[in-house]
C-alpha atoms as a PDB file:
ATOM      1  CA  MET A   1      42.388 113.596  75.516  1.00  0.00           C
ATOM      2  CA  TYR A   2      45.027 110.920  76.129  1.00  0.00           C
ATOM      3  CA  PRO A   3      42.936 107.752  75.765  1.00  0.00           C
ATOM      4  CA  ARG A   4      45.622 105.132  76.111  1.00  0.00           C
ATOM      5  CA  PHE A   5      47.673 106.733  78.869  1.00  0.00           C
ATOM      6  CA  GLY A   6      44.852 108.402  80.780  1.00  0.00           C
ATOM      7  CA  HIS A   7      45.561 110.371  83.934  1.00  0.00           C
ATOM      8  CA  LYS A   8      48.968 108.830  84.499  1.00  0.00           C
ATOM      9  CA  PHE A   9      50.301 110.348  81.297  1.00  0.00           C
ATOM     10  CA  LYS A  10      48.523 113.640  81.826  1.00  0.00           C
ATOM     11  CA  ASN A  11      50.009 114.091  85.282  1.00  0.00           C
ATOM     12  CA  CYS A  12      53.576 113.711  84.021  1.00  0.00           C
ATOM     13  CA  LEU A  13      53.426 117.136  82.317  1.00  0.00           C
ATOM     14  CA  THR A  14      55.382 119.932  83.987  1.00  0.00           C
ATOM     15  CA  SER A  15      53.622 123.095  85.138  1.00  0.00           C
ATOM     16  CA  GLN A  16      55.268 125.008  82.272  1.00  0.00           C
ATOM     17  CA  GLN A  17      53.994 122.522  79.709  1.00  0.00           C
ATOM     18  CA  LYS A  18      50.466 122.755  81.160  1.00  0.00           C
ATOM     19  CA  ILE A  19      50.593 126.500  80.536  1.00  0.00           C
ATOM     20  CA  LYS A  20      52.118 126.022  77.078  1.00  0.00           C
ATOM     21  CA  PRO A  21      50.356 123.010  75.529  1.00  0.00           C
ATOM     22  CA  LEU A  22      52.267 120.225  73.836  1.00  0.00           C
ATOM     23  CA  SER A  23      52.150 120.064  70.051  1.00  0.00           C
ATOM     24  CA  ILE A  24      53.904 116.680  69.914  1.00  0.00           C
ATOM     25  CA  SER A  25      54.221 114.028  72.605  1.00  0.00           C
ATOM     26  CA  VAL A  26      55.937 110.709  71.910  1.00  0.00           C
ATOM     27  CA  GLN A  27      56.025 107.979  74.553  1.00  0.00           C
ATOM     28  CA  GLN A  28      57.948 104.699  74.143  1.00  0.00           C
ATOM     29  CA  LEU A  29      57.462 104.773  70.369  1.00  0.00           C
ATOM     30  CA  THR A  30      58.812 101.754  68.474  1.00  0.00           C
ATOM     31  CA  LYS A  31      58.769 100.696  64.830  1.00  0.00           C
ATOM     32  CA  THR A  32      59.996  97.234  63.861  1.00  0.00           C
ATOM     33  CA  TYR A  33      60.581  95.816  60.385  1.00  0.00           C
ATOM     34  CA  GLY A  34      60.997  92.085  60.807  1.00  0.00           C
ATOM     35  CA  GLN A  35      63.849  91.650  63.274  1.00  0.00           C
ATOM     36  CA  GLN A  36      65.146  95.199  62.857  1.00  0.00           C
ATOM     37  CA  LYS A  37      64.064  98.020  65.146  1.00  0.00           C
ATOM     38  CA  ALA A  38      64.108 101.179  63.052  1.00  0.00           C
ATOM     39  CA  VAL A  39      62.853 103.188  66.040  1.00  0.00           C
ATOM     40  CA  ASN A  40      63.443 101.772  69.507  1.00  0.00           C
ATOM     41  CA  ASP A  41      61.370 102.951  72.488  1.00  0.00           C
ATOM     42  CA  ILE A  42      61.842 106.711  72.047  1.00  0.00           C
ATOM     43  CA  SER A  43      60.122 109.439  74.072  1.00  0.00           C
ATOM     44  CA  PHE A  44      60.151 113.213  73.665  1.00  0.00           C
ATOM     45  CA  GLU A  45      57.819 116.223  73.846  1.00  0.00           C
ATOM     46  CA  VAL A  46      57.629 119.438  71.823  1.00  0.00           C
ATOM     47  CA  PRO A  47      55.726 122.411  73.300  1.00  0.00           C
ATOM     48  CA  ALA A  48      53.701 124.653  70.997  1.00  0.00           C
ATOM     49  CA  GLY A  49      55.720 127.293  69.165  1.00  0.00           C
ATOM     50  CA  GLN A  50      59.118 125.582  69.370  1.00  0.00           C
ATOM     51  CA  VAL A  51      61.498 124.840  66.474  1.00  0.00           C
ATOM     52  CA  VAL A  52      63.248 121.520  67.118  1.00  0.00           C
ATOM     53  CA  GLY A  53      66.031 119.921  65.096  1.00  0.00           C
ATOM     54  CA  PHE A  54      65.773 116.144  64.770  1.00  0.00           C
ATOM     55  CA  LEU A  55      69.318 114.952  64.078  1.00  0.00           C
ATOM     56  CA  GLY A  56      70.952 111.682  63.284  1.00  0.00           C
ATOM     57  CA  PRO A  57      73.107 109.849  60.745  1.00  0.00           C
ATOM     58  CA  ASN A  58      71.526 108.173  57.731  1.00  0.00           C
ATOM     59  CA  GLY A  59      69.377 105.242  58.829  1.00  0.00           C
ATOM     60  CA  ALA A  60      69.090 106.472  62.430  1.00  0.00           C
ATOM     61  CA  GLY A  61      65.276 106.487  62.425  1.00  0.00           C
ATOM     62  CA  LYS A  62      64.504 110.157  61.709  1.00  0.00           C
ATOM     63  CA  THR A  63      62.307 109.650  58.657  1.00  0.00           C
ATOM     64  CA  THR A  64      60.550 106.626  60.186  1.00  0.00           C
ATOM     65  CA  THR A  65      59.628 108.702  63.251  1.00  0.00           C
ATOM     66  CA  MET A  66      58.325 111.523  61.072  1.00  0.00           C
ATOM     67  CA  LYS A  67      56.237 109.119  59.028  1.00  0.00           C
ATOM     68  CA  MET A  68      54.632 107.810  62.199  1.00  0.00           C
ATOM     69  CA  LEU A  69      53.896 111.354  63.422  1.00  0.00           C
ATOM     70  CA  THR A  70      52.289 112.229  60.082  1.00  0.00           C
ATOM     71  CA  CYS A  71      50.216 109.012  59.989  1.00  0.00           C
ATOM     72  CA  PHE A  72      51.947 107.558  56.919  1.00  0.00           C
ATOM     73  CA  ILE A  73      52.926 104.408  58.805  1.00  0.00           C
ATOM     74  CA  PRO A  74      51.602 103.007  62.104  1.00  0.00           C
ATOM     75  CA  PRO A  75      53.878 102.435  65.107  1.00  0.00           C
ATOM     76  CA  THR A  76      54.585  98.883  66.228  1.00  0.00           C
ATOM     77  CA  SER A  77      54.116  99.971  69.841  1.00  0.00           C
ATOM     78  CA  GLY A  78      54.067 103.089  71.972  1.00  0.00           C
ATOM     79  CA  ILE A  79      52.062 106.239  71.530  1.00  0.00           C
ATOM     80  CA  ALA A  80      52.326 109.444  69.511  1.00  0.00           C
ATOM     81  CA  ILE A  81      50.100 112.415  70.302  1.00  0.00           C
ATOM     82  CA  VAL A  82      49.885 115.421  67.957  1.00  0.00           C
ATOM     83  CA  CYS A  83      47.924 118.451  69.179  1.00  0.00           C
ATOM     84  CA  GLY A  84      46.210 116.260  71.772  1.00  0.00           C
ATOM     85  CA  LEU A  85      45.167 113.561  69.270  1.00  0.00           C
ATOM     86  CA  ASP A  86      46.431 109.990  69.010  1.00  0.00           C
ATOM     87  CA  VAL A  87      47.935 109.383  65.553  1.00  0.00           C
ATOM     88  CA  GLU A  88      46.413 105.904  65.348  1.00  0.00           C
ATOM     89  CA  GLU A  89      42.976 106.618  66.741  1.00  0.00           C
ATOM     90  CA  ASN A  90      42.546 110.042  65.105  1.00  0.00           C
ATOM     91  CA  SER A  91      44.548 109.723  61.903  1.00  0.00           C
ATOM     92  CA  VAL A  92      42.330 111.937  59.721  1.00  0.00           C
ATOM     93  CA  GLU A  93      42.158 114.727  62.296  1.00  0.00           C
ATOM     94  CA  VAL A  94      45.936 114.632  62.856  1.00  0.00           C
ATOM     95  CA  ARG A  95      46.605 114.941  59.120  1.00  0.00           C
ATOM     96  CA  SER A  96      44.472 118.079  59.014  1.00  0.00           C
ATOM     97  CA  LEU A  97      46.625 119.650  61.757  1.00  0.00           C
ATOM     98  CA  VAL A  98      50.035 118.730  60.323  1.00  0.00           C
ATOM     99  CA  GLY A  99      51.946 120.082  57.339  1.00  0.00           C
ATOM    100  CA  TYR A 100      54.516 117.618  55.975  1.00  0.00           C
ATOM    101  CA  LEU A 101      57.425 118.121  53.601  1.00  0.00           C
ATOM    102  CA  PRO A 102      59.027 114.712  52.866  1.00  0.00           C
ATOM    103  CA  GLU A 103      62.722 114.405  52.063  1.00  0.00           C
ATOM    104  CA  HIS A 104      61.929 113.602  48.421  1.00  0.00           C
ATOM    105  CA  ASN A 105      59.465 116.371  47.629  1.00  0.00           C
ATOM    106  CA  PRO A 106      56.646 114.636  45.652  1.00  0.00           C
ATOM    107  CA  LEU A 107      55.472 117.342  43.238  1.00  0.00           C
ATOM    108  CA  TYR A 108      53.482 117.119  40.012  1.00  0.00           C
ATOM    109  CA  LEU A 109      56.104 118.481  37.611  1.00  0.00           C
ATOM    110  CA  ASP A 110      53.658 119.067  34.737  1.00  0.00           C
ATOM    111  CA  MET A 111      51.420 121.323  36.830  1.00  0.00           C
ATOM    112  CA  TYR A 112      51.887 125.065  37.102  1.00  0.00           C
ATOM    113  CA  VAL A 113      52.837 126.397  40.540  1.00  0.00           C
ATOM    114  CA  LYS A 114      49.550 128.206  41.128  1.00  0.00           C
ATOM    115  CA  GLU A 115      47.573 125.325  39.673  1.00  0.00           C
ATOM    116  CA  TYR A 116      49.278 122.856  42.015  1.00  0.00           C
ATOM    117  CA  LEU A 117      48.667 125.018  45.092  1.00  0.00           C
ATOM    118  CA  ASP A 118      45.019 125.469  44.074  1.00  0.00           C
ATOM    119  CA  PHE A 119      44.780 121.681  43.902  1.00  0.00           C
ATOM    120  CA  ALA A 120      46.485 121.231  47.303  1.00  0.00           C
ATOM    121  CA  ALA A 121      44.164 123.807  48.868  1.00  0.00           C
ATOM    122  CA  GLU A 122      41.049 122.142  47.488  1.00  0.00           C
ATOM    123  CA  ILE A 123      41.935 118.633  48.656  1.00  0.00           C
ATOM    124  CA  ASN A 124      42.671 120.088  52.102  1.00  0.00           C
ATOM    125  CA  LYS A 125      39.217 121.745  52.058  1.00  0.00           C
ATOM    126  CA  VAL A 126      40.699 125.214  52.496  1.00  0.00           C
ATOM    127  CA  LYS A 127      38.205 128.055  52.644  1.00  0.00           C
ATOM    128  CA  ASN A 128      38.869 131.066  50.401  1.00  0.00           C
ATOM    129  CA  VAL A 129      41.251 129.096  48.168  1.00  0.00           C
ATOM    130  CA  LYS A 130      42.205 132.040  45.966  1.00  0.00           C
ATOM    131  CA  GLU A 131      43.215 134.246  48.907  1.00  0.00           C
ATOM    132  CA  ARG A 132      45.093 131.460  50.711  1.00  0.00           C
ATOM    133  CA  VAL A 133      47.064 130.439  47.616  1.00  0.00           C
ATOM    134  CA  SER A 134      48.018 134.066  46.949  1.00  0.00           C
ATOM    135  CA  GLU A 135      49.155 134.402  50.573  1.00  0.00           C
ATOM    136  CA  MET A 136      51.320 131.261  50.398  1.00  0.00           C
ATOM    137  CA  ILE A 137      52.869 132.358  47.093  1.00  0.00           C
ATOM    138  CA  GLU A 138      53.876 135.647  48.682  1.00  0.00           C
ATOM    139  CA  ILE A 139      55.141 134.136  51.949  1.00  0.00           C
ATOM    140  CA  THR A 140      57.314 131.542  50.173  1.00  0.00           C
ATOM    141  CA  GLY A 141      58.666 133.983  47.565  1.00  0.00           C
ATOM    142  CA  LEU A 142      57.056 132.320  44.554  1.00  0.00           C
ATOM    143  CA  THR A 143      55.440 135.419  43.044  1.00  0.00           C
ATOM    144  CA  LEU A 144      57.696 135.512  39.964  1.00  0.00           C
ATOM    145  CA  GLU A 145      57.453 131.725  39.480  1.00  0.00           C
ATOM    146  CA  LYS A 146      53.720 131.139  39.980  1.00  0.00           C
ATOM    147  CA  ARG A 147      52.937 130.848  36.260  1.00  0.00           C
ATOM    148  CA  LYS A 148      55.772 128.409  35.563  1.00  0.00           C
ATOM    149  CA  LYS A 149      55.485 124.651  35.452  1.00  0.00           C
ATOM    150  CA  ILE A 150      57.012 123.038  38.535  1.00  0.00           C
ATOM    151  CA  GLY A 151      59.314 120.999  36.281  1.00  0.00           C
ATOM    152  CA  GLN A 152      60.908 124.258  35.077  1.00  0.00           C
ATOM    153  CA  LEU A 153      61.862 125.378  38.588  1.00  0.00           C
ATOM    154  CA  SER A 154      65.219 125.060  40.314  1.00  0.00           C
ATOM    155  CA  LYS A 155      65.416 122.724  43.285  1.00  0.00           C
ATOM    156  CA  GLY A 156      65.317 125.692  45.651  1.00  0.00           C
ATOM    157  CA  TYR A 157      62.024 126.914  44.214  1.00  0.00           C
ATOM    158  CA  ARG A 158      60.626 123.376  44.213  1.00  0.00           C
ATOM    159  CA  GLN A 159      61.342 123.243  47.946  1.00  0.00           C
ATOM    160  CA  ARG A 160      59.430 126.508  48.293  1.00  0.00           C
ATOM    161  CA  VAL A 161      56.486 124.950  46.472  1.00  0.00           C
ATOM    162  CA  GLY A 162      56.686 121.974  48.838  1.00  0.00           C
ATOM    163  CA  LEU A 163      56.677 124.294  51.854  1.00  0.00           C
ATOM    164  CA  ALA A 164      53.743 126.248  50.442  1.00  0.00           C
ATOM    165  CA  GLN A 165      51.854 122.974  49.982  1.00  0.00           C
ATOM    166  CA  ALA A 166      52.698 121.904  53.542  1.00  0.00           C
ATOM    167  CA  MET A 167      51.369 125.194  54.924  1.00  0.00           C
ATOM    168  CA  ILE A 168      48.399 125.726  52.603  1.00  0.00           C
ATOM    169  CA  HIS A 169      45.848 124.495  55.158  1.00  0.00           C
ATOM    170  CA  ASN A 170      47.382 126.570  57.972  1.00  0.00           C
ATOM    171  CA  PRO A 171      48.519 123.576  60.083  1.00  0.00           C
ATOM    172  CA  LYS A 172      49.513 123.928  63.721  1.00  0.00           C
ATOM    173  CA  VAL A 173      52.566 121.673  63.294  1.00  0.00           C
ATOM    174  CA  LEU A 174      55.108 121.539  60.456  1.00  0.00           C
ATOM    175  CA  ILE A 175      57.245 118.429  59.987  1.00  0.00           C
ATOM    176  CA  LEU A 176      60.071 118.950  57.515  1.00  0.00           C
ATOM    177  CA  ASP A 177      62.374 116.109  56.430  1.00  0.00           C
ATOM    178  CA  GLU A 178      65.714 117.417  55.105  1.00  0.00           C
ATOM    179  CA  PRO A 179      64.200 120.708  53.840  1.00  0.00           C
ATOM    180  CA  THR A 180      67.521 122.031  52.456  1.00  0.00           C
ATOM    181  CA  SER A 181      68.863 118.781  50.989  1.00  0.00           C
ATOM    182  CA  GLY A 182      70.697 119.335  47.701  1.00  0.00           C
ATOM    183  CA  LEU A 183      70.384 123.130  47.692  1.00  0.00           C
ATOM    184  CA  ASP A 184      73.180 125.605  46.949  1.00  0.00           C
ATOM    185  CA  PRO A 185      74.372 127.990  49.718  1.00  0.00           C
ATOM    186  CA  ASN A 186      72.144 130.866  48.560  1.00  0.00           C
ATOM    187  CA  GLN A 187      69.069 128.632  48.418  1.00  0.00           C
ATOM    188  CA  ILE A 188      69.889 127.149  51.837  1.00  0.00           C
ATOM    189  CA  GLY A 189      70.025 130.650  53.326  1.00  0.00           C
ATOM    190  CA  GLU A 190      66.664 131.557  51.791  1.00  0.00           C
ATOM    191  CA  ILE A 191      64.952 128.385  53.057  1.00  0.00           C
ATOM    192  CA  ARG A 192      66.487 128.841  56.534  1.00  0.00           C
ATOM    193  CA  ASN A 193      65.133 132.381  56.728  1.00  0.00           C
ATOM    194  CA  LEU A 194      61.728 131.160  55.630  1.00  0.00           C
ATOM    195  CA  ILE A 195      61.669 128.391  58.272  1.00  0.00           C
ATOM    196  CA  ARG A 196      62.776 130.849  60.982  1.00  0.00           C
ATOM    197  CA  THR A 197      59.871 133.106  60.009  1.00  0.00           C
ATOM    198  CA  ILE A 198      57.425 130.176  60.034  1.00  0.00           C
ATOM    199  CA  GLY A 199      58.750 129.075  63.433  1.00  0.00           C
ATOM    200  CA  LYS A 200      57.567 132.314  65.041  1.00  0.00           C
ATOM    201  CA  GLU A 201      53.966 131.158  64.625  1.00  0.00           C
ATOM    202  CA  LYS A 202      54.031 127.353  64.335  1.00  0.00           C
ATOM    203  CA  THR A 203      55.632 124.319  65.926  1.00  0.00           C
ATOM    204  CA  VAL A 204      58.358 122.979  63.613  1.00  0.00           C
ATOM    205  CA  LEU A 205      60.120 119.610  63.786  1.00  0.00           C
ATOM    206  CA  LEU A 206      62.813 119.440  61.129  1.00  0.00           C
ATOM    207  CA  SER A 207      65.112 116.583  60.287  1.00  0.00           C
ATOM    208  CA  THR A 208      68.643 117.252  59.139  1.00  0.00           C
ATOM    209  CA  HIS A 209      72.212 116.015  59.468  1.00  0.00           C
ATOM    210  CA  ILE A 210      73.662 119.513  58.845  1.00  0.00           C
ATOM    211  CA  MET A 211      74.620 120.911  62.228  1.00  0.00           C
ATOM    212  CA  GLN A 212      74.848 124.532  61.067  1.00  0.00           C
ATOM    213  CA  GLU A 213      71.163 124.433  60.174  1.00  0.00           C
ATOM    214  CA  VAL A 214      70.231 123.452  63.701  1.00  0.00           C
ATOM    215  CA  GLU A 215      72.326 126.198  65.265  1.00  0.00           C
ATOM    216  CA  ALA A 216      70.861 128.731  62.816  1.00  0.00           C
ATOM    217  CA  MET A 217      67.193 127.764  63.117  1.00  0.00           C
ATOM    218  CA  CYS A 218      66.397 125.638  66.147  1.00  0.00           C
ATOM    219  CA  ASP A 219      65.642 126.278  69.807  1.00  0.00           C
ATOM    220  CA  ARG A 220      66.550 122.714  70.684  1.00  0.00           C
ATOM    221  CA  ALA A 221      68.042 119.544  69.210  1.00  0.00           C
ATOM    222  CA  ILE A 222      67.109 115.884  69.588  1.00  0.00           C
ATOM    223  CA  ILE A 223      69.816 113.454  68.441  1.00  0.00           C
ATOM    224  CA  ILE A 224      68.821 109.925  67.476  1.00  0.00           C
ATOM    225  CA  ASN A 225      71.246 107.103  66.710  1.00  0.00           C
ATOM    226  CA  ARG A 226      70.364 103.515  65.720  1.00  0.00           C
ATOM    227  CA  GLY A 227      66.742 104.128  66.589  1.00  0.00           C
ATOM    228  CA  THR A 228      67.424 105.474  70.099  1.00  0.00           C
ATOM    229  CA  ILE A 229      67.498 109.062  71.373  1.00  0.00           C
ATOM    230  CA  VAL A 230      70.990 109.802  72.688  1.00  0.00           C
ATOM    231  CA  ALA A 231      70.597 113.538  73.470  1.00  0.00           C
ATOM    232  CA  ASP A 232      67.817 116.098  73.879  1.00  0.00           C
ATOM    233  CA  ASP A 233      68.641 119.657  74.964  1.00  0.00           C
ATOM    234  CA  ASN A 234      69.100 123.221  73.733  1.00  0.00           C
ATOM    235  CA  THR A 235      72.089 123.731  71.451  1.00  0.00           C
ATOM    236  CA  ALA A 236      74.178 125.669  74.004  1.00  0.00           C
ATOM    237  CA  ASN A 237      73.878 122.918  76.604  1.00  0.00           C
ATOM    238  CA  LEU A 238      74.710 120.260  74.027  1.00  0.00           C
ATOM    239  CA  ARG A 239      77.871 122.109  73.017  1.00  0.00           C
ATOM    240  CA  ASN A 240      78.913 122.489  76.646  1.00  0.00           C
ATOM    241  CA  SER A 241      78.290 118.799  77.352  1.00  0.00           C
ATOM    242  CA  LEU A 242      81.616 117.860  75.725  1.00  0.00           C
ATOM    243  CA  LYS A 243      83.677 120.326  77.685  1.00  0.00           C
ATOM    244  CA  THR A 244      86.170 118.580  79.931  1.00  0.00           C
ATOM    245  CA  GLU A 245      88.647 121.472  79.676  1.00  0.00           C
ATOM    246  CA  SER A 246      88.964 124.977  78.236  1.00  0.00           C
ATOM    247  CA  VAL A 247      91.383 125.839  75.451  1.00  0.00           C
ATOM    248  CA  ILE A 248      92.430 129.427  74.741  1.00  0.00           C
ATOM    249  CA  THR A 249      94.442 130.209  71.633  1.00  0.00           C
ATOM    250  CA  VAL A 250      96.820 133.160  72.117  1.00  0.00           C
ATOM    251  CA  GLN A 251      99.245 134.920  69.802  1.00  0.00           C
ATOM    252  CA  PHE A 252     102.020 137.264  70.885  1.00  0.00           C
ATOM    253  CA  LYS A 253     103.923 139.755  68.763  1.00  0.00           C
ATOM    254  CA  ASN A 254     107.125 138.748  70.553  1.00  0.00           C
ATOM    255  CA  ALA A 255     108.602 135.292  70.968  1.00  0.00           C
ATOM    256  CA  VAL A 256     107.842 133.590  74.277  1.00  0.00           C
ATOM    257  CA  SER A 257     108.975 130.268  75.667  1.00  0.00           C
ATOM    258  CA  GLU A 258     106.722 127.345  76.470  1.00  0.00           C
ATOM    259  CA  ASP A 259     108.210 127.121  79.970  1.00  0.00           C
ATOM    260  CA  LYS A 260     107.077 130.681  80.757  1.00  0.00           C
ATOM    261  CA  LEU A 261     103.562 130.009  79.499  1.00  0.00           C
ATOM    262  CA  ARG A 262     103.257 126.974  81.748  1.00  0.00           C
ATOM    263  CA  LYS A 263     103.675 129.265  84.775  1.00  0.00           C
ATOM    264  CA  ILE A 264     100.407 131.119  84.046  1.00  0.00           C
ATOM    265  CA  PRO A 265      98.022 130.236  86.925  1.00  0.00           C
ATOM    266  CA  GLY A 266      95.454 127.637  85.878  1.00  0.00           C
ATOM    267  CA  ILE A 267      97.283 126.381  82.781  1.00  0.00           C
ATOM    268  CA  THR A 268      97.587 122.578  82.663  1.00  0.00           C
ATOM    269  CA  LYS A 269      99.027 122.092  79.169  1.00  0.00           C
ATOM    270  CA  VAL A 270     100.689 124.207  76.466  1.00  0.00           C
ATOM    271  CA  SER A 271     101.027 123.355  72.773  1.00  0.00           C
ATOM    272  CA  SER A 272     102.473 125.405  69.933  1.00  0.00           C
ATOM    273  CA  ALA A 273     100.265 126.471  67.011  1.00  0.00           C
ATOM    274  CA  GLY A 274     103.140 128.136  65.097  1.00  0.00           C
ATOM    275  CA  ASP A 275     104.007 131.807  64.455  1.00  0.00           C
ATOM    276  CA  ASN A 276     104.080 132.746  68.147  1.00  0.00           C
ATOM    277  CA  ARG A 277     100.620 131.217  68.596  1.00  0.00           C
ATOM    278  CA  TRP A 278      99.901 128.854  71.475  1.00  0.00           C
ATOM    279  CA  ASN A 279      97.027 126.696  72.693  1.00  0.00           C
ATOM    280  CA  LEU A 280      96.701 127.024  76.449  1.00  0.00           C
ATOM    281  CA  HIS A 281      94.688 124.294  78.190  1.00  0.00           C
ATOM    282  CA  SER A 282      92.962 124.726  81.525  1.00  0.00           C
ATOM    283  CA  ALA A 283      90.560 122.736  83.709  1.00  0.00           C
ATOM    284  CA  GLY A 284      88.252 125.820  83.752  1.00  0.00           C
ATOM    285  CA  ASN A 285      88.159 129.249  82.140  1.00  0.00           C
ATOM    286  CA  GLU A 286      87.140 131.433  85.093  1.00  0.00           C
ATOM    287  CA  GLY A 287      89.668 134.274  85.379  1.00  0.00           C
ATOM    288  CA  LEU A 288      91.962 132.619  82.822  1.00  0.00           C
ATOM    289  CA  GLN A 289      91.937 135.413  80.239  1.00  0.00           C
ATOM    290  CA  GLU A 290      92.633 137.944  82.976  1.00  0.00           C
ATOM    291  CA  SER A 291      95.663 135.874  84.010  1.00  0.00           C
ATOM    292  CA  ILE A 292      96.882 135.783  80.405  1.00  0.00           C
ATOM    293  CA  PHE A 293      96.616 139.578  80.065  1.00  0.00           C
ATOM    294  CA  LYS A 294      98.481 140.049  83.338  1.00  0.00           C
ATOM    295  CA  PHE A 295     101.174 137.615  82.123  1.00  0.00           C
ATOM    296  CA  ALA A 296     101.574 139.653  78.923  1.00  0.00           C
ATOM    297  CA  VAL A 297     101.886 142.935  80.828  1.00  0.00           C
ATOM    298  CA  ASP A 298     104.338 141.505  83.373  1.00  0.00           C
ATOM    299  CA  ASN A 299     106.575 140.141  80.594  1.00  0.00           C
ATOM    300  CA  ASN A 300     106.341 143.158  78.242  1.00  0.00           C
ATOM    301  CA  LEU A 301     104.557 141.081  75.593  1.00  0.00           C
ATOM    302  CA  VAL A 302     102.144 142.407  72.982  1.00  0.00           C
ATOM    303  CA  LEU A 303      99.065 140.138  72.915  1.00  0.00           C
ATOM    304  CA  LEU A 304      97.606 139.978  69.388  1.00  0.00           C
ATOM    305  CA  GLU A 305      94.959 137.301  69.934  1.00  0.00           C
ATOM    306  CA  SER A 306      93.131 135.611  72.782  1.00  0.00           C
ATOM    307  CA  LYS A 307      90.306 133.310  71.723  1.00  0.00           C
ATOM    308  CA  LEU A 308      88.383 130.751  73.764  1.00  0.00           C
ATOM    309  CA  SER A 309      87.684 127.616  71.734  1.00  0.00           C
ATOM    310  CA  GLU A 310      84.200 126.082  72.041  1.00  0.00           C
ATOM    311  CA  SER A 311      82.922 122.645  71.193  1.00  0.00           C
ATOM    312  CA  SER A 312      80.650 122.712  68.153  1.00  0.00           C
ATOM    313  CA  LEU A 313      77.354 120.902  67.768  1.00  0.00           C
ATOM    314  CA  GLU A 314      79.085 118.847  65.103  1.00  0.00           C
ATOM    315  CA  ASP A 315      81.643 117.665  67.686  1.00  0.00           C
ATOM    316  CA  VAL A 316      78.785 116.594  69.968  1.00  0.00           C
ATOM    317  CA  PHE A 317      77.012 114.841  67.095  1.00  0.00           C
ATOM    318  CA  LYS A 318      80.135 112.885  66.132  1.00  0.00           C
ATOM    319  CA  SER A 319      80.804 111.928  69.739  1.00  0.00           C
ATOM    320  CA  LEU A 320      77.275 110.584  70.239  1.00  0.00           C
ATOM    321  CA  THR A 321      76.792 108.801  66.904  1.00  0.00           C
ATOM    322  CA  ARG A 322      80.144 107.145  66.226  1.00  0.00           C
END
């Protein structure tokens, strides 16, 4: 099953992963172009049924990694396993198990939507082509567009056609490179909902540099920078990783002095945010809001707002990729 790593690689799986098989396993994967390492010794694993965001700035190595996983380009060194198959030794079999939507969706613009999906189904040797194409048209919301030429469609509907093509052969793994690139907010919402629905049944690895997409769609995020993985965790843990202190923004109806606010237990720093609003800094947030409410009651103050600020995934991304 793992021909080049043998038992050593197999034994490194956790008990949870043995129960839930891996859809993707990458070990020490490297891709070099001349003297430049586009991907540098990366390793990660994706269990079946997980939606994972693959993040990084432009040129970080996201697309190169995806091309290796989909057998478009060979790795320089390392190993990539998809559904238990080595991408170099079992290229044809891996392609049959993977659905791929490249960043620049390569569609035949002069073909009609249904005609194109019929073609994609036939070259993927899909059984019951008519039924499968009808199913994909319905799932991706292309029913009203199926008799149009692809060149007549908006970019949002072209992305739907690309997704339908990627799923036409019912792959176990979907690899999507910038699936919402260039779409308007309404189209982005529609594609996100579609990917969330797909992710209930399939393993999805999607590349993006839009942090809101990851928080909306993904169970986990892998951040790559200059060809190297710099973070790999669920989104909540990644957000918390930047926390060195807690900041609570409060607003009172009455005026209050900075000196009084500094006397609240646990407060290490106070800064004004204008209009009787203050940012209260603390080394931790346990019991802090309770102390603020007690302070308000003791000083006959009306508390209008008390909001704990959290680090965003975008803050984490900027910190790790600067």
